[in-house]
C-alpha atoms as a PDB file:
ATOM      1  CA  UNK A   1      67.278  74.226 126.412  1.00  0.00           C
ATOM      2  CA  UNK A   2      63.721  72.738 126.533  1.00  0.00           C
ATOM      3  CA  UNK A   3      62.496  69.926 124.022  1.00  0.00           C
ATOM      4  CA  UNK A   4      59.003  69.229 123.649  1.00  0.00           C
ATOM      5  CA  UNK A   5      58.705  65.409 123.454  1.00  0.00           C
ATOM      6  CA  UNK A   6      55.909  63.900 120.902  1.00  0.00           C
ATOM      7  CA  UNK A   7      53.971  60.997 122.266  1.00  0.00           C
ATOM      8  CA  UNK A   8      56.432  59.052 120.367  1.00  0.00           C
ATOM      9  CA  UNK A   9      59.250  60.259 121.353  1.00  0.00           C
ATOM     10  CA  UNK A  10      58.400  59.773 125.057  1.00  0.00           C
ATOM     11  CA  UNK A  11      57.362  55.920 124.386  1.00  0.00           C
ATOM     12  CA  UNK A  12      61.101  55.593 123.108  1.00  0.00           C
ATOM     13  CA  UNK A  13      62.430  57.078 126.124  1.00  0.00           C
ATOM     14  CA  UNK A  14      60.635  55.046 128.325  1.00  0.00           C
ATOM     15  CA  UNK A  15      61.821  52.294 126.856  1.00  0.00           C
ATOM     16  CA  UNK A  16      65.232  53.452 127.235  1.00  0.00           C
ATOM     17  CA  UNK A  17      66.985  52.893 130.894  1.00  0.00           C
ATOM     18  CA  UNK A  18      68.155  55.775 132.623  1.00  0.00           C
ATOM     19  CA  UNK A  19      72.305  56.672 132.617  1.00  0.00           C
ATOM     20  CA  UNK A  20      74.108  57.594 135.380  1.00  0.00           C
ATOM     21  CA  UNK A  21      76.956  60.101 135.112  1.00  0.00           C
ATOM     22  CA  UNK A  22      78.655  61.711 137.777  1.00  0.00           C
ATOM     23  CA  UNK A  23      80.561  65.195 136.609  1.00  0.00           C
ATOM     24  CA  UNK A  24      82.887  67.159 138.362  1.00  0.00           C
ATOM     25  CA  UNK A  25      85.008  64.679 139.110  1.00  0.00           C
ATOM     26  CA  UNK A  26      88.797  65.748 140.459  1.00  0.00           C
ATOM     27  CA  UNK A  27      90.057  63.111 142.716  1.00  0.00           C
ATOM     28  CA  UNK A  28      91.107  59.229 142.116  1.00  0.00           C
ATOM     29  CA  UNK A  29      89.492  58.537 145.390  1.00  0.00           C
ATOM     30  CA  UNK A  30      86.157  60.087 144.266  1.00  0.00           C
ATOM     31  CA  UNK A  31      86.149  58.808 140.684  1.00  0.00           C
ATOM     32  CA  UNK A  32      86.769  55.208 141.500  1.00  0.00           C
ATOM     33  CA  UNK A  33      84.363  55.629 144.377  1.00  0.00           C
ATOM     34  CA  UNK A  34      81.568  56.942 141.838  1.00  0.00           C
ATOM     35  CA  UNK A  35      82.894  53.485 139.751  1.00  0.00           C
ATOM     36  CA  UNK A  36      82.141  51.481 142.744  1.00  0.00           C
ATOM     37  CA  UNK A  37      78.749  53.008 142.921  1.00  0.00           C
ATOM     38  CA  UNK A  38      77.618  52.077 139.267  1.00  0.00           C
ATOM     39  CA  UNK A  39      78.082  55.463 137.632  1.00  0.00           C
ATOM     40  CA  UNK A  40      77.564  54.647 134.102  1.00  0.00           C
ATOM     41  CA  UNK A  41      80.038  57.351 133.026  1.00  0.00           C
ATOM     42  CA  UNK A  42      82.868  59.372 135.281  1.00  0.00           C
ATOM     43  CA  UNK A  43      82.954  63.246 134.025  1.00  0.00           C
ATOM     44  CA  UNK A  44      85.787  65.646 133.937  1.00  0.00           C
ATOM     45  CA  UNK A  45      85.150  69.317 133.406  1.00  0.00           C
ATOM     46  CA  UNK A  46      87.771  71.099 131.275  1.00  0.00           C
ATOM     47  CA  UNK A  47      85.729  74.694 131.588  1.00  0.00           C
ATOM     48  CA  UNK A  48      88.613  76.666 133.216  1.00  0.00           C
ATOM     49  CA  UNK A  49      85.906  79.138 134.923  1.00  0.00           C
ATOM     50  CA  UNK A  50      84.380  76.307 136.618  1.00  0.00           C
ATOM     51  CA  UNK A  51      84.215  75.625 139.993  1.00  0.00           C
ATOM     52  CA  UNK A  52      85.347  72.199 139.237  1.00  0.00           C
ATOM     53  CA  UNK A  53      87.948  72.594 136.703  1.00  0.00           C
ATOM     54  CA  UNK A  54      90.410  69.947 136.045  1.00  0.00           C
ATOM     55  CA  UNK A  55      93.289  70.323 134.308  1.00  0.00           C
ATOM     56  CA  UNK A  56      94.391  67.849 131.266  1.00  0.00           C
ATOM     57  CA  UNK A  57      97.374  66.393 133.280  1.00  0.00           C
ATOM     58  CA  UNK A  58      95.326  65.718 136.694  1.00  0.00           C
ATOM     59  CA  UNK A  59      92.469  63.961 134.311  1.00  0.00           C
ATOM     60  CA  UNK A  60      94.820  61.576 133.358  1.00  0.00           C
ATOM     61  CA  UNK A  61      95.967  60.397 136.660  1.00  0.00           C
ATOM     62  CA  UNK A  62      92.581  59.999 137.589  1.00  0.00           C
ATOM     63  CA  UNK A  63      91.833  57.969 134.539  1.00  0.00           C
ATOM     64  CA  UNK A  64      94.697  55.838 135.013  1.00  0.00           C
ATOM     65  CA  UNK A  65      93.437  55.160 138.697  1.00  0.00           C
ATOM     66  CA  UNK A  66      90.116  54.367 137.497  1.00  0.00           C
ATOM     67  CA  UNK A  67      91.722  51.933 134.637  1.00  0.00           C
ATOM     68  CA  UNK A  68      93.216  50.428 137.500  1.00  0.00           C
ATOM     69  CA  UNK A  69      90.422  49.843 139.458  1.00  0.00           C
ATOM     70  CA  UNK A  70      88.768  48.526 136.293  1.00  0.00           C
ATOM     71  CA  UNK A  71      91.248  46.146 136.071  1.00  0.00           C
ATOM     72  CA  UNK A  72      91.066  45.247 139.643  1.00  0.00           C
ATOM     73  CA  UNK A  73      87.436  44.589 139.607  1.00  0.00           C
ATOM     74  CA  UNK A  74      87.123  42.724 135.900  1.00  0.00           C
ATOM     75  CA  UNK A  75      84.748  45.202 134.542  1.00  0.00           C
ATOM     76  CA  UNK A  76      84.279  45.332 131.196  1.00  0.00           C
ATOM     77  CA  UNK A  77      84.993  48.210 128.655  1.00  0.00           C
ATOM     78  CA  UNK A  78      81.616  48.882 126.840  1.00  0.00           C
ATOM     79  CA  UNK A  79      82.093  48.687 122.953  1.00  0.00           C
ATOM     80  CA  UNK A  80      80.713  51.942 121.612  1.00  0.00           C
ATOM     81  CA  UNK A  81      78.549  51.896 118.332  1.00  0.00           C
ATOM     82  CA  UNK A  82      80.042  54.140 115.450  1.00  0.00           C
ATOM     83  CA  UNK A  83      78.352  57.368 115.845  1.00  0.00           C
ATOM     84  CA  UNK A  84      75.045  57.718 113.931  1.00  0.00           C
ATOM     85  CA  UNK A  85      73.654  59.966 111.571  1.00  0.00           C
ATOM     86  CA  UNK A  86      74.728  63.413 111.871  1.00  0.00           C
ATOM     87  CA  UNK A  87      72.565  65.751 113.701  1.00  0.00           C
ATOM     88  CA  UNK A  88      71.701  67.500 110.566  1.00  0.00           C
ATOM     89  CA  UNK A  89      70.665  64.317 109.223  1.00  0.00           C
ATOM     90  CA  UNK A  90      68.220  63.173 112.095  1.00  0.00           C
ATOM     91  CA  UNK A  91      64.593  64.823 111.805  1.00  0.00           C
ATOM     92  CA  UNK A  92      65.095  66.588 115.337  1.00  0.00           C
ATOM     93  CA  UNK A  93      67.733  66.840 118.233  1.00  0.00           C
ATOM     94  CA  UNK A  94      65.270  64.950 120.472  1.00  0.00           C
ATOM     95  CA  UNK A  95      65.394  62.029 117.817  1.00  0.00           C
ATOM     96  CA  UNK A  96      69.142  62.260 117.501  1.00  0.00           C
ATOM     97  CA  UNK A  97      69.904  62.411 121.271  1.00  0.00           C
ATOM     98  CA  UNK A  98      67.780  59.273 121.965  1.00  0.00           C
ATOM     99  CA  UNK A  99      69.070  57.295 119.076  1.00  0.00           C
ATOM    100  CA  UNK A 100      72.402  58.338 120.471  1.00  0.00           C
ATOM    101  CA  UNK A 101      71.959  57.514 124.308  1.00  0.00           C
ATOM    102  CA  UNK A 102      70.210  53.982 122.987  1.00  0.00           C
ATOM    103  CA  UNK A 103      73.460  52.766 121.564  1.00  0.00           C
ATOM    104  CA  UNK A 104      75.133  53.822 124.956  1.00  0.00           C
ATOM    105  CA  UNK A 105      72.569  51.910 126.634  1.00  0.00           C
ATOM    106  CA  UNK A 106      73.190  48.771 123.981  1.00  0.00           C
ATOM    107  CA  UNK A 107      76.827  49.011 124.888  1.00  0.00           C
ATOM    108  CA  UNK A 108      76.158  49.150 128.513  1.00  0.00           C
ATOM    109  CA  UNK A 109      73.648  46.296 128.458  1.00  0.00           C
ATOM    110  CA  UNK A 110      75.874  43.906 126.736  1.00  0.00           C
ATOM    111  CA  UNK A 111      78.516  43.488 129.245  1.00  0.00           C
ATOM    112  CA  UNK A 112      75.985  42.084 131.505  1.00  0.00           C
ATOM    113  CA  UNK A 113      76.023  44.547 134.736  1.00  0.00           C
ATOM    114  CA  UNK A 114      79.699  44.122 134.440  1.00  0.00           C
ATOM    115  CA  UNK A 115      80.234  47.175 133.042  1.00  0.00           C
ATOM    116  CA  UNK A 116      83.227  49.811 133.366  1.00  0.00           C
ATOM    117  CA  UNK A 117      82.225  53.141 133.711  1.00  0.00           C
ATOM    118  CA  UNK A 118      82.409  55.388 130.338  1.00  0.00           C
ATOM    119  CA  UNK A 119      84.911  58.469 130.853  1.00  0.00           C
ATOM    120  CA  UNK A 120      83.363  61.569 129.382  1.00  0.00           C
ATOM    121  CA  UNK A 121      84.209  65.561 129.097  1.00  0.00           C
ATOM    122  CA  UNK A 122      82.629  69.084 129.635  1.00  0.00           C
ATOM    123  CA  UNK A 123      84.108  71.394 127.076  1.00  0.00           C
ATOM    124  CA  UNK A 124      83.575  74.948 126.103  1.00  0.00           C
ATOM    125  CA  UNK A 125      85.027  76.482 122.970  1.00  0.00           C
ATOM    126  CA  UNK A 126      88.027  73.862 122.439  1.00  0.00           C
ATOM    127  CA  UNK A 127      89.406  73.005 119.411  1.00  0.00           C
ATOM    128  CA  UNK A 128      88.620  69.851 118.224  1.00  0.00           C
ATOM    129  CA  UNK A 129      92.102  68.860 118.451  1.00  0.00           C
ATOM    130  CA  UNK A 130      92.350  69.106 122.529  1.00  0.00           C
ATOM    131  CA  UNK A 131      89.133  67.209 122.428  1.00  0.00           C
ATOM    132  CA  UNK A 132      90.179  64.455 120.519  1.00  0.00           C
ATOM    133  CA  UNK A 133      93.429  64.341 122.352  1.00  0.00           C
ATOM    134  CA  UNK A 134      91.376  64.088 125.908  1.00  0.00           C
ATOM    135  CA  UNK A 135      89.226  61.130 124.386  1.00  0.00           C
ATOM    136  CA  UNK A 136      92.449  59.311 123.202  1.00  0.00           C
ATOM    137  CA  UNK A 137      94.218  59.847 126.765  1.00  0.00           C
ATOM    138  CA  UNK A 138      90.760  58.398 128.399  1.00  0.00           C
ATOM    139  CA  UNK A 139      91.236  54.892 126.597  1.00  0.00           C
ATOM    140  CA  UNK A 140      91.326  52.115 128.744  1.00  0.00           C
ATOM    141  CA  UNK A 141      95.361  51.425 128.999  1.00  0.00           C
ATOM    142  CA  UNK A 142      95.263  48.975 131.610  1.00  0.00           C
ATOM    143  CA  UNK A 143      92.880  46.291 130.158  1.00  0.00           C
ATOM    144  CA  UNK A 144      93.706  42.861 128.614  1.00  0.00           C
ATOM    145  CA  UNK A 145      93.338  42.805 125.092  1.00  0.00           C
ATOM    146  CA  UNK A 146      90.091  41.059 124.690  1.00  0.00           C
ATOM    147  CA  UNK A 147      88.465  43.951 126.342  1.00  0.00           C
ATOM    148  CA  UNK A 148      89.657  46.322 123.707  1.00  0.00           C
ATOM    149  CA  UNK A 149      87.018  48.150 121.954  1.00  0.00           C
ATOM    150  CA  UNK A 150      85.898  46.380 118.607  1.00  0.00           C
END
């Protein structure tokens, strides 16, 4: 997929810091190491034909270990904004992705260097129900009440 950038979208992207996602994690040790190294996002691959595929059950275990690390290190879970405009409402794909990235960056920056990594999944031909279930299972479980999403 190629996206051509206009001078306007290039400036917008230059104002947005680079997010670091470590993807294909398949062990608690690797996920906690990525978190400790400052990853903004931890990625789990639910595509069975991928060499980095992880079962939903293993992902839940790893997320539990990461949540424990987050609690022990007193990291703050970024409070993500409500989803922005639907992709069809945006003037083009690049502007939609840029607006979404800005919202994530702003939420991370509100944590002032103490943000817990977000957990993300890679899916292919999964049902919305499966993806929503995995999202629910990746929510913070060990955090104090004050750290819950707004």
